[in-house]
């Protein structure tokens, strides 16, 4: 425990002996959410088979972020300064987190470090047409709007005294969505459905700002993330067997993301913007539910797909201390990598028994073809050329495959009916 756990007794003892306030402290990173939404819609019947729905949708979403002192660990006070640059030869004289209250001493429960809000507003108009006949069902939806995201800083940070307090420039984009779904009942047991989607989404607010904690600067050239997707579904409903089979595919273009990291090449903290992330996903799924007997049920599903990057994103890197450009739109060789985090093969099965309130089930799940998410920065020539051998370069450009995962679970349950209630 001496080497694997934090020795809080030692931290408290050092804080009590410190002459200039607490040397160690515990803080909370607080996020307070406010969300207001208003939707007004109307429906008009056109004959007996068609309905038209239309209206407007308004959204306001505000996230307030700040750091709050939880525990000074036996210390008295701590100064609200940027301790990361205390020993910096160039920026060590610009320590104030908030020039509106310089050298303020912080106690438990006080806000410090940073304080800002990200606000998003969106107004859109939509319309939908629903057609339903004896066997055919068609639904078409269109929505278009205008959206804006703005940052408001409540602290004037000394490093960015001219661009940290107050409102940033508003990022304005026009998101949209087009959807089409067609369903047809071939017979009482067989059905077909086809769906298609074209959509343009706003980037996440955190991805639009280089340093949202203390800077109003936005990334260069923010754009919508465009998605095209389609799926076809076949369904069969039998007396004892239900089956559904699906083919799916989607193409995403123009996705972007931001990250804060330590850059080994420059030897300093940096802010990274990645643009032009294009993803292709396609595959097939099949699932079945079988009623083996009056009290037995078997369910199983299998999904297999391919989820990959189809182009090389562009990486831009800025020095965290002064927004100095470290690299500008360099290519990240991720175009043939697999998307990390999601298994490309997934199988699951469960057999269950239910009778007189008792339930017993046994299930198993398999996850395969899982990969570690690629690092966009490490796959640039700027980083990969640090390799001192062909084998080292191959390690930079490779992608680690995780081991396949298998799990089993069993459940025993009893349901009690309280007739008195």
Protein backbone atom coordinates (compact mmCIF):
# COMPACT_ATOMS: atom_id res chain seq x y z
CA UNK A 1 0.00 0.00 0.00
CA UNK A 2 2.96 2.35 0.48
CA UNK A 3 3.70 2.38 -3.23
CA UNK A 4 0.30 1.79 -4.88
CA UNK A 5 -1.96 4.11 -2.86
CA UNK A 6 -1.97 7.86 -2.24
CA UNK A 7 -0.64 8.58 1.26
CA UNK A 8 -3.14 11.22 2.30
CA UNK A 9 -1.71 11.40 5.83
CA UNK A 10 1.64 12.46 4.36
CA UNK A 11 -0.01 15.05 2.10
CA UNK A 12 -1.93 16.53 5.04
CA UNK A 13 1.24 16.65 7.15
CA UNK A 14 3.14 18.51 4.41
CA UNK A 15 0.28 20.95 3.91
CA UNK A 16 0.27 21.83 7.63
CA UNK A 17 4.01 22.54 7.52
CA UNK A 18 3.86 24.63 4.34
CA UNK A 19 4.53 28.33 4.81
CA UNK A 20 2.74 29.55 1.68
CA UNK A 21 -0.56 27.69 1.88
CA UNK A 22 -1.50 24.20 0.75
CA UNK A 23 0.86 22.30 -1.54
CA UNK A 24 -1.72 19.59 -2.27
CA UNK A 25 -5.48 19.85 -2.73
CA UNK A 26 -8.50 18.02 -4.13
CA UNK A 27 -10.71 19.78 -6.67
CA UNK A 28 -13.92 19.03 -8.55
CA UNK A 29 -14.40 19.80 -12.24
CA UNK A 30 -18.02 20.89 -12.23
CA UNK A 31 -20.41 20.90 -15.19
CA UNK A 32 -23.85 22.46 -14.71
CA UNK A 33 -26.39 21.79 -17.45
CA UNK A 34 -29.32 23.90 -18.61
CA UNK A 35 -31.49 22.65 -21.47
CA UNK A 36 -34.63 24.29 -22.83
CA UNK A 37 -36.59 22.86 -25.73
CA UNK A 38 -39.82 23.84 -27.43
CA UNK A 39 -41.49 21.86 -30.19
CA UNK A 40 -44.66 22.92 -31.99
CA UNK A 41 -46.20 20.63 -34.57
CA UNK A 42 -49.45 20.09 -36.39
CA UNK A 43 -50.87 17.20 -38.39
CA UNK A 44 -53.15 17.40 -41.42
CA UNK A 45 -54.93 14.39 -42.91
CA UNK A 46 -54.89 14.14 -46.69
CA UNK A 47 -57.46 11.53 -47.54
CA UNK A 48 -57.64 8.25 -45.62
CA UNK A 49 -54.11 7.06 -46.32
CA UNK A 50 -51.87 10.12 -45.94
CA UNK A 51 -50.95 12.39 -43.06
CA UNK A 52 -48.69 15.43 -43.19
CA UNK A 53 -46.91 16.63 -40.04
CA UNK A 54 -45.04 19.95 -39.89
CA UNK A 55 -43.72 22.38 -37.33
CA UNK A 56 -40.73 24.06 -35.71
CA UNK A 57 -38.26 22.96 -33.08
CA UNK A 58 -36.25 25.33 -30.86
CA UNK A 59 -33.37 24.27 -28.60
CA UNK A 60 -31.12 26.09 -26.14
CA UNK A 61 -28.36 24.11 -24.45
CA UNK A 62 -25.91 25.67 -21.97
CA UNK A 63 -23.06 23.96 -20.14
CA UNK A 64 -21.34 25.94 -17.36
CA UNK A 65 -17.86 24.61 -16.53
CA UNK A 66 -15.68 25.57 -13.58
CA UNK A 67 -13.22 24.15 -11.09
CA UNK A 68 -14.23 24.10 -7.42
CA UNK A 69 -12.04 23.43 -4.39
CA UNK A 70 -13.22 20.37 -2.50
CA UNK A 71 -10.55 19.81 0.18
CA UNK A 72 -7.33 21.63 1.05
CA UNK A 73 -6.10 18.55 2.94
CA UNK A 74 -5.24 20.34 6.16
CA UNK A 75 -3.88 23.45 4.46
CA UNK A 76 -5.15 26.96 4.93
CA UNK A 77 -5.42 28.65 1.53
CA UNK A 78 -4.06 28.30 -1.99
CA UNK A 79 -3.43 31.01 -4.56
CA UNK A 80 -5.44 31.02 -7.78
CA UNK A 81 -2.50 30.92 -10.19
CA UNK A 82 -1.37 28.65 -13.03
CA UNK A 83 1.09 26.31 -11.32
CA UNK A 84 1.99 24.58 -14.59
CA UNK A 85 4.06 27.58 -15.75
CA UNK A 86 5.59 28.74 -12.44
CA UNK A 87 9.09 27.74 -13.62
CA UNK A 88 8.60 28.68 -17.27
CA UNK A 89 11.35 31.05 -18.46
CA UNK A 90 9.09 32.78 -21.00
CA UNK A 91 5.62 32.74 -19.45
CA UNK A 92 6.42 32.43 -15.76
CA UNK A 93 5.37 36.05 -15.15
CA UNK A 94 1.83 35.46 -16.52
CA UNK A 95 0.51 33.21 -13.76
CA UNK A 96 -2.89 34.75 -13.01
CA UNK A 97 -5.90 32.54 -13.75
CA UNK A 98 -8.18 35.55 -13.31
CA UNK A 99 -6.80 39.08 -13.66
CA UNK A 100 -10.12 40.41 -12.35
CA UNK A 101 -9.04 39.12 -8.90
CA UNK A 102 -5.24 38.72 -8.99
CA UNK A 103 -3.51 36.56 -6.35
CA UNK A 104 -6.85 35.60 -4.84
CA UNK A 105 -6.60 33.02 -2.05
CA UNK A 106 -8.91 30.03 -2.45
CA UNK A 107 -10.77 28.21 0.32
CA UNK A 108 -12.95 25.11 0.31
CA UNK A 109 -16.00 25.53 -1.92
CA UNK A 110 -14.53 28.42 -3.94
CA UNK A 111 -14.38 28.46 -7.73
CA UNK A 112 -10.93 28.86 -9.25
CA UNK A 113 -8.77 27.89 -12.22
CA UNK A 114 -11.36 28.47 -14.95
CA UNK A 115 -15.00 29.42 -15.31
CA UNK A 116 -16.82 29.52 -18.64
CA UNK A 117 -20.02 28.51 -20.41
CA UNK A 118 -20.65 26.87 -23.78
CA UNK A 119 -24.06 27.71 -25.24
CA UNK A 120 -25.72 26.20 -28.27
CA UNK A 121 -28.95 27.42 -29.85
CA UNK A 122 -30.79 25.88 -32.77
CA UNK A 123 -33.99 26.71 -34.63
CA UNK A 124 -35.28 24.28 -37.24
CA UNK A 125 -38.34 23.61 -39.36
CA UNK A 126 -39.48 20.10 -40.21
CA UNK A 127 -42.06 18.28 -42.25
CA UNK A 128 -43.07 14.64 -42.55
CA UNK A 129 -45.36 12.69 -44.86
CA UNK A 130 -46.82 9.36 -43.72
CA UNK A 131 -48.56 7.09 -46.20
CA UNK A 132 -50.20 3.85 -45.09
CA UNK A 133 -52.10 1.40 -47.27
CA UNK A 134 -53.06 -2.21 -46.66
CA UNK A 135 -49.50 -3.55 -47.00
CA UNK A 136 -47.35 -0.52 -47.79
CA UNK A 137 -46.06 2.08 -45.35
CA UNK A 138 -43.97 5.08 -46.41
CA UNK A 139 -42.54 7.84 -44.23
CA UNK A 140 -40.46 10.78 -45.50
CA UNK A 141 -39.01 13.43 -43.19
CA UNK A 142 -37.10 16.63 -43.93
CA UNK A 143 -35.62 19.02 -41.38
CA UNK A 144 -33.43 22.07 -41.89
CA UNK A 145 -32.27 24.65 -39.40
CA UNK A 146 -29.68 27.15 -38.26
CA UNK A 147 -27.50 26.63 -35.21
CA UNK A 148 -24.86 28.60 -33.35
CA UNK A 149 -22.34 27.85 -30.61
CA UNK A 150 -20.64 30.49 -28.47
CA UNK A 151 -18.25 30.46 -25.50
CA UNK A 152 -18.52 32.99 -22.68
CA UNK A 153 -15.55 33.32 -20.33
CA UNK A 154 -16.01 34.66 -16.81
CA UNK A 155 -12.27 34.83 -16.04
CA UNK A 156 -9.59 36.94 -17.73
CA UNK A 157 -6.60 34.62 -17.89
CA UNK A 158 -3.28 36.43 -18.03
CA UNK A 159 -1.84 34.17 -20.75
CA UNK A 160 -4.75 35.15 -23.04
CA UNK A 161 -5.79 38.46 -21.54
CA UNK A 162 -7.32 39.71 -24.79
CA UNK A 163 -9.25 36.57 -25.68
CA UNK A 164 -10.45 34.81 -22.56
CA UNK A 165 -13.08 37.07 -20.95
CA UNK A 166 -16.52 37.61 -22.45
CA UNK A 167 -18.13 36.15 -25.53
CA UNK A 168 -16.32 34.48 -28.39
CA UNK A 169 -17.31 34.77 -32.00
CA UNK A 170 -20.38 32.68 -32.76
CA UNK A 171 -19.86 29.57 -34.88
CA UNK A 172 -22.87 29.36 -37.23
CA UNK A 173 -23.77 26.31 -39.31
CA UNK A 174 -26.94 24.94 -40.94
CA UNK A 175 -27.64 21.34 -39.88
CA UNK A 176 -30.13 19.27 -41.87
CA UNK A 177 -31.66 15.79 -42.02
CA UNK A 178 -33.50 13.85 -44.74
CA UNK A 179 -35.03 10.46 -43.94
CA UNK A 180 -36.98 7.92 -45.96
CA UNK A 181 -38.48 4.65 -44.73
CA UNK A 182 -40.49 2.17 -46.80
CA UNK A 183 -42.10 -0.94 -45.32
CA UNK A 184 -44.01 -3.67 -47.15
CA UNK A 185 -45.81 -6.71 -45.74
CA UNK A 186 -45.31 -9.50 -48.27
CA UNK A 187 -47.67 -11.73 -46.28
CA UNK A 188 -48.86 -12.20 -42.75
CA UNK A 189 -45.47 -13.73 -41.84
CA UNK A 190 -42.99 -11.96 -44.13
CA UNK A 191 -42.12 -8.25 -44.18
CA UNK A 192 -39.54 -5.99 -45.79
CA UNK A 193 -38.31 -2.54 -44.77
CA UNK A 194 -35.83 -0.13 -46.33
CA UNK A 195 -34.53 3.07 -44.71
CA UNK A 196 -32.18 5.78 -45.95
CA UNK A 197 -30.72 8.85 -44.29
CA UNK A 198 -28.76 11.95 -45.28
CA UNK A 199 -27.74 14.20 -42.41
CA UNK A 200 -25.44 17.10 -41.55
CA UNK A 201 -24.61 17.44 -37.83
CA UNK A 202 -23.01 20.22 -35.80
CA UNK A 203 -19.64 19.34 -34.24
CA UNK A 204 -19.54 18.98 -30.47
CA UNK A 205 -18.95 22.29 -28.72
CA UNK A 206 -15.74 21.04 -27.07
CA UNK A 207 -14.34 20.21 -30.51
CA UNK A 208 -14.85 23.75 -31.82
CA UNK A 209 -12.54 25.51 -29.34
CA UNK A 210 -8.81 24.98 -29.00
CA UNK A 211 -8.70 25.64 -25.25
CA UNK A 212 -12.26 25.96 -24.00
CA UNK A 213 -11.13 26.21 -20.36
CA UNK A 214 -9.48 29.60 -20.89
CA UNK A 215 -9.54 30.79 -24.50
CA UNK A 216 -12.20 31.98 -26.95
CA UNK A 217 -10.25 30.90 -30.03
CA UNK A 218 -12.12 28.49 -32.30
CA UNK A 219 -10.65 25.90 -34.63
CA UNK A 220 -10.02 26.87 -38.22
CA UNK A 221 -12.78 26.26 -40.76
CA UNK A 222 -15.49 24.48 -38.73
CA UNK A 223 -17.84 22.44 -40.95
CA UNK A 224 -20.80 20.08 -40.65
CA UNK A 225 -20.26 16.35 -40.34
CA UNK A 226 -22.14 14.72 -43.26
CA UNK A 227 -23.57 11.20 -43.04
CA UNK A 228 -25.20 8.95 -45.65
CA UNK A 229 -26.73 5.72 -44.34
CA UNK A 230 -29.08 2.96 -45.45
CA UNK A 231 -30.38 -0.36 -44.16
CA UNK A 232 -32.60 -3.15 -45.47
CA UNK A 233 -34.49 -5.42 -43.06
CA UNK A 234 -36.28 -8.72 -43.64
CA UNK A 235 -38.61 -10.03 -40.95
CA UNK A 236 -40.29 -13.39 -40.45
CA UNK A 237 -42.88 -14.07 -37.74
CA UNK A 238 -43.77 -17.72 -37.27
CA UNK A 239 -45.72 -19.64 -34.72
CA UNK A 240 -42.59 -20.54 -32.76
CA UNK A 241 -39.79 -18.69 -34.54
CA UNK A 242 -39.23 -14.95 -35.16
CA UNK A 243 -36.31 -13.95 -37.38
CA UNK A 244 -34.97 -10.57 -38.45
CA UNK A 245 -32.07 -10.07 -40.89
CA UNK A 246 -30.50 -6.68 -41.61
CA UNK A 247 -27.99 -5.27 -44.09
CA UNK A 248 -26.60 -1.84 -43.15
CA UNK A 249 -24.07 0.71 -44.31
CA UNK A 250 -23.07 4.29 -43.58
CA UNK A 251 -20.50 6.80 -44.81
CA UNK A 252 -19.46 9.76 -42.66
CA UNK A 253 -17.39 12.62 -44.10
CA UNK A 254 -15.88 15.73 -42.60
CA UNK A 255 -15.93 14.74 -38.95
CA UNK A 256 -13.60 16.72 -36.70
CA UNK A 257 -12.29 16.49 -33.17
CA UNK A 258 -10.06 18.40 -30.77
CA UNK A 259 -7.78 17.12 -28.06
CA UNK A 260 -5.35 18.44 -25.45
CA UNK A 261 -2.10 16.52 -25.06
CA UNK A 262 1.64 16.59 -24.50
CA UNK A 263 3.60 16.70 -27.75
CA UNK A 264 6.82 14.70 -27.49
CA UNK A 265 8.34 16.26 -30.60
CA UNK A 266 8.01 19.86 -29.43
CA UNK A 267 8.39 18.94 -25.76
CA UNK A 268 5.42 20.98 -24.57
CA UNK A 269 1.67 20.86 -23.95
CA UNK A 270 -0.32 21.31 -27.13
CA UNK A 271 -3.83 21.57 -28.52
CA UNK A 272 -4.68 19.39 -31.50
CA UNK A 273 -7.35 19.82 -34.13
CA UNK A 274 -8.12 16.91 -36.46
CA UNK A 275 -10.17 17.59 -39.62
CA UNK A 276 -11.40 15.42 -42.49
CA UNK A 277 -12.19 12.24 -40.54
CA UNK A 278 -14.06 9.96 -42.97
CA UNK A 279 -15.58 6.67 -41.77
CA UNK A 280 -17.17 3.75 -43.62
CA UNK A 281 -19.27 1.18 -41.77
CA UNK A 282 -21.13 -1.75 -43.32
CA UNK A 283 -22.23 -5.22 -42.33
CA UNK A 284 -25.05 -7.64 -41.62
CA UNK A 285 -27.02 -8.74 -38.59
CA UNK A 286 -29.37 -11.64 -37.92
CA UNK A 287 -31.37 -12.36 -34.81
CA UNK A 288 -33.85 -15.06 -33.89
CA UNK A 289 -36.25 -15.83 -31.05
CA UNK A 290 -37.41 -19.42 -30.73
CA UNK A 291 -40.19 -20.60 -28.41
CA UNK A 292 -38.94 -24.14 -27.77
CA UNK A 293 -41.86 -25.10 -25.53
CA UNK A 294 -44.51 -23.45 -23.40
CA UNK A 295 -41.97 -22.23 -20.85
CA UNK A 296 -38.68 -22.28 -22.77
CA UNK A 297 -37.30 -19.56 -25.01
CA UNK A 298 -34.09 -19.40 -27.04
CA UNK A 299 -32.73 -16.14 -28.44
CA UNK A 300 -29.58 -15.61 -30.51
CA UNK A 301 -27.99 -12.86 -32.58
CA UNK A 302 -24.96 -12.50 -34.82
CA UNK A 303 -23.47 -9.27 -36.19
CA UNK A 304 -20.51 -8.97 -38.54
CA UNK A 305 -19.26 -5.77 -40.11
CA UNK A 306 -16.36 -3.63 -41.22
CA UNK A 307 -15.77 -0.23 -39.60
CA UNK A 308 -12.79 1.69 -41.01
CA UNK A 309 -11.29 5.05 -41.91
CA UNK A 310 -11.37 5.70 -45.65
CA UNK A 311 -9.11 8.74 -45.91
CA UNK A 312 -6.17 10.36 -44.14
CA UNK A 313 -7.21 13.08 -41.68
CA UNK A 314 -5.28 16.33 -41.35
CA UNK A 315 -3.71 17.28 -38.03
CA UNK A 316 -3.02 20.83 -36.85
CA UNK A 317 -1.13 21.38 -33.60
CA UNK A 318 -0.88 24.57 -31.52
CA UNK A 319 1.31 25.33 -28.51
CA UNK A 320 -0.94 25.50 -25.46
CA UNK A 321 0.83 28.50 -23.92
CA UNK A 322 0.65 30.95 -26.82
CA UNK A 323 -1.27 29.27 -29.70
CA UNK A 324 1.95 29.09 -31.71
CA UNK A 325 1.56 26.83 -34.74
CA UNK A 326 3.56 23.61 -34.29
CA UNK A 327 2.33 21.86 -37.42
CA UNK A 328 -0.27 22.81 -40.01
CA UNK A 329 -2.62 20.26 -41.61
CA UNK A 330 -0.08 17.44 -41.75
CA UNK A 331 -1.35 14.11 -43.02
CA UNK A 332 -2.14 11.35 -40.55
CA UNK A 333 -1.81 7.95 -42.20
CA UNK A 334 -4.94 6.44 -40.68
CA UNK A 335 -6.82 5.82 -43.93
CA UNK A 336 -6.68 2.03 -43.63
CA UNK A 337 -7.13 1.72 -39.89
CA UNK A 338 -10.07 0.12 -38.15
CA UNK A 339 -12.30 2.22 -35.93
CA UNK A 340 -11.40 1.48 -32.33
CA UNK A 341 -13.71 0.54 -29.51
CA UNK A 342 -16.36 -1.49 -31.33
CA UNK A 343 -16.14 -5.25 -32.04
CA UNK A 344 -16.63 -6.07 -35.71
CA UNK A 345 -17.96 -9.53 -34.87
CA UNK A 346 -20.48 -9.96 -32.09
CA UNK A 347 -22.45 -13.09 -31.21
CA UNK A 348 -24.83 -13.68 -28.32
CA UNK A 349 -27.20 -16.46 -27.26
CA UNK A 350 -29.50 -17.07 -24.31
CA UNK A 351 -31.81 -19.85 -23.24
CA UNK A 352 -34.44 -19.07 -20.62
CA UNK A 353 -37.14 -20.89 -18.65
CA UNK A 354 -40.12 -19.14 -17.03
CA UNK A 355 -42.87 -20.84 -15.01
CA UNK A 356 -45.01 -19.85 -12.02
CA UNK A 357 -42.92 -16.78 -11.26
CA UNK A 358 -39.61 -18.60 -11.50
CA UNK A 359 -37.05 -17.67 -14.13
CA UNK A 360 -33.77 -19.31 -15.06
CA UNK A 361 -31.53 -18.13 -17.90
CA UNK A 362 -28.10 -18.99 -19.23
CA UNK A 363 -26.38 -16.70 -21.72
CA UNK A 364 -23.08 -16.32 -23.58
CA UNK A 365 -21.51 -13.52 -25.62
CA UNK A 366 -18.52 -13.31 -27.93
CA UNK A 367 -16.78 -10.13 -29.17
CA UNK A 368 -14.11 -10.32 -31.85
CA UNK A 369 -12.02 -8.19 -34.20
CA UNK A 370 -11.53 -5.39 -31.69
CA UNK A 371 -8.77 -2.83 -32.23
CA UNK A 372 -7.15 -0.05 -30.24
CA UNK A 373 -8.24 3.37 -31.51
CA UNK A 374 -5.44 4.82 -33.68
CA UNK A 375 -3.57 7.91 -32.53
CA UNK A 376 -3.86 10.51 -35.29
CA UNK A 377 -0.82 12.44 -34.07
CA UNK A 378 1.45 9.41 -33.82
CA UNK A 379 0.63 8.38 -37.38
CA UNK A 380 1.96 11.61 -38.90
CA UNK A 381 5.42 11.63 -40.47
CA UNK A 382 6.37 14.29 -37.95
CA UNK A 383 6.09 11.72 -35.15
CA UNK A 384 6.73 8.47 -37.02
CA UNK A 385 10.10 9.59 -38.36
CA UNK A 386 11.40 9.45 -34.80
CA UNK A 387 11.61 5.67 -35.30
CA UNK A 388 15.25 4.59 -35.64
CA UNK A 389 14.57 1.38 -37.58
CA UNK A 390 12.09 -0.08 -40.10
CA UNK A 391 10.67 -2.20 -37.28
CA UNK A 392 10.14 0.89 -35.16
CA UNK A 393 8.41 2.68 -38.03
CA UNK A 394 6.14 -0.34 -38.51
CA UNK A 395 5.20 -0.11 -34.82
CA UNK A 396 4.22 3.53 -35.31
CA UNK A 397 2.08 2.69 -38.34
CA UNK A 398 0.60 -0.55 -37.04
CA UNK A 399 -2.64 -0.97 -35.15
CA UNK A 400 -2.92 -3.27 -32.18
CA UNK A 401 -5.65 -5.88 -32.22
CA UNK A 402 -7.16 -6.68 -28.86
CA UNK A 403 -7.82 -10.21 -27.75
CA UNK A 404 -11.25 -11.63 -28.45
CA UNK A 405 -13.60 -11.54 -25.47
CA UNK A 406 -16.01 -14.21 -24.25
CA UNK A 407 -18.41 -14.05 -21.34
CA UNK A 408 -21.11 -16.21 -19.77
CA UNK A 409 -23.81 -15.32 -17.30
CA UNK A 410 -26.56 -17.13 -15.41
CA UNK A 411 -29.64 -15.68 -13.73
CA UNK A 412 -32.13 -17.11 -11.24
CA UNK A 413 -35.19 -15.05 -10.40
CA UNK A 414 -38.51 -15.33 -8.57
CA UNK A 415 -41.46 -13.01 -9.01
CA UNK A 416 -43.92 -12.54 -6.14
CA UNK A 417 -47.44 -11.31 -6.85
CA UNK A 418 -48.89 -9.32 -3.98
CA UNK A 419 -52.62 -9.75 -4.65
CA UNK A 420 -53.50 -7.68 -1.61
CA UNK A 421 -52.14 -4.59 -3.42
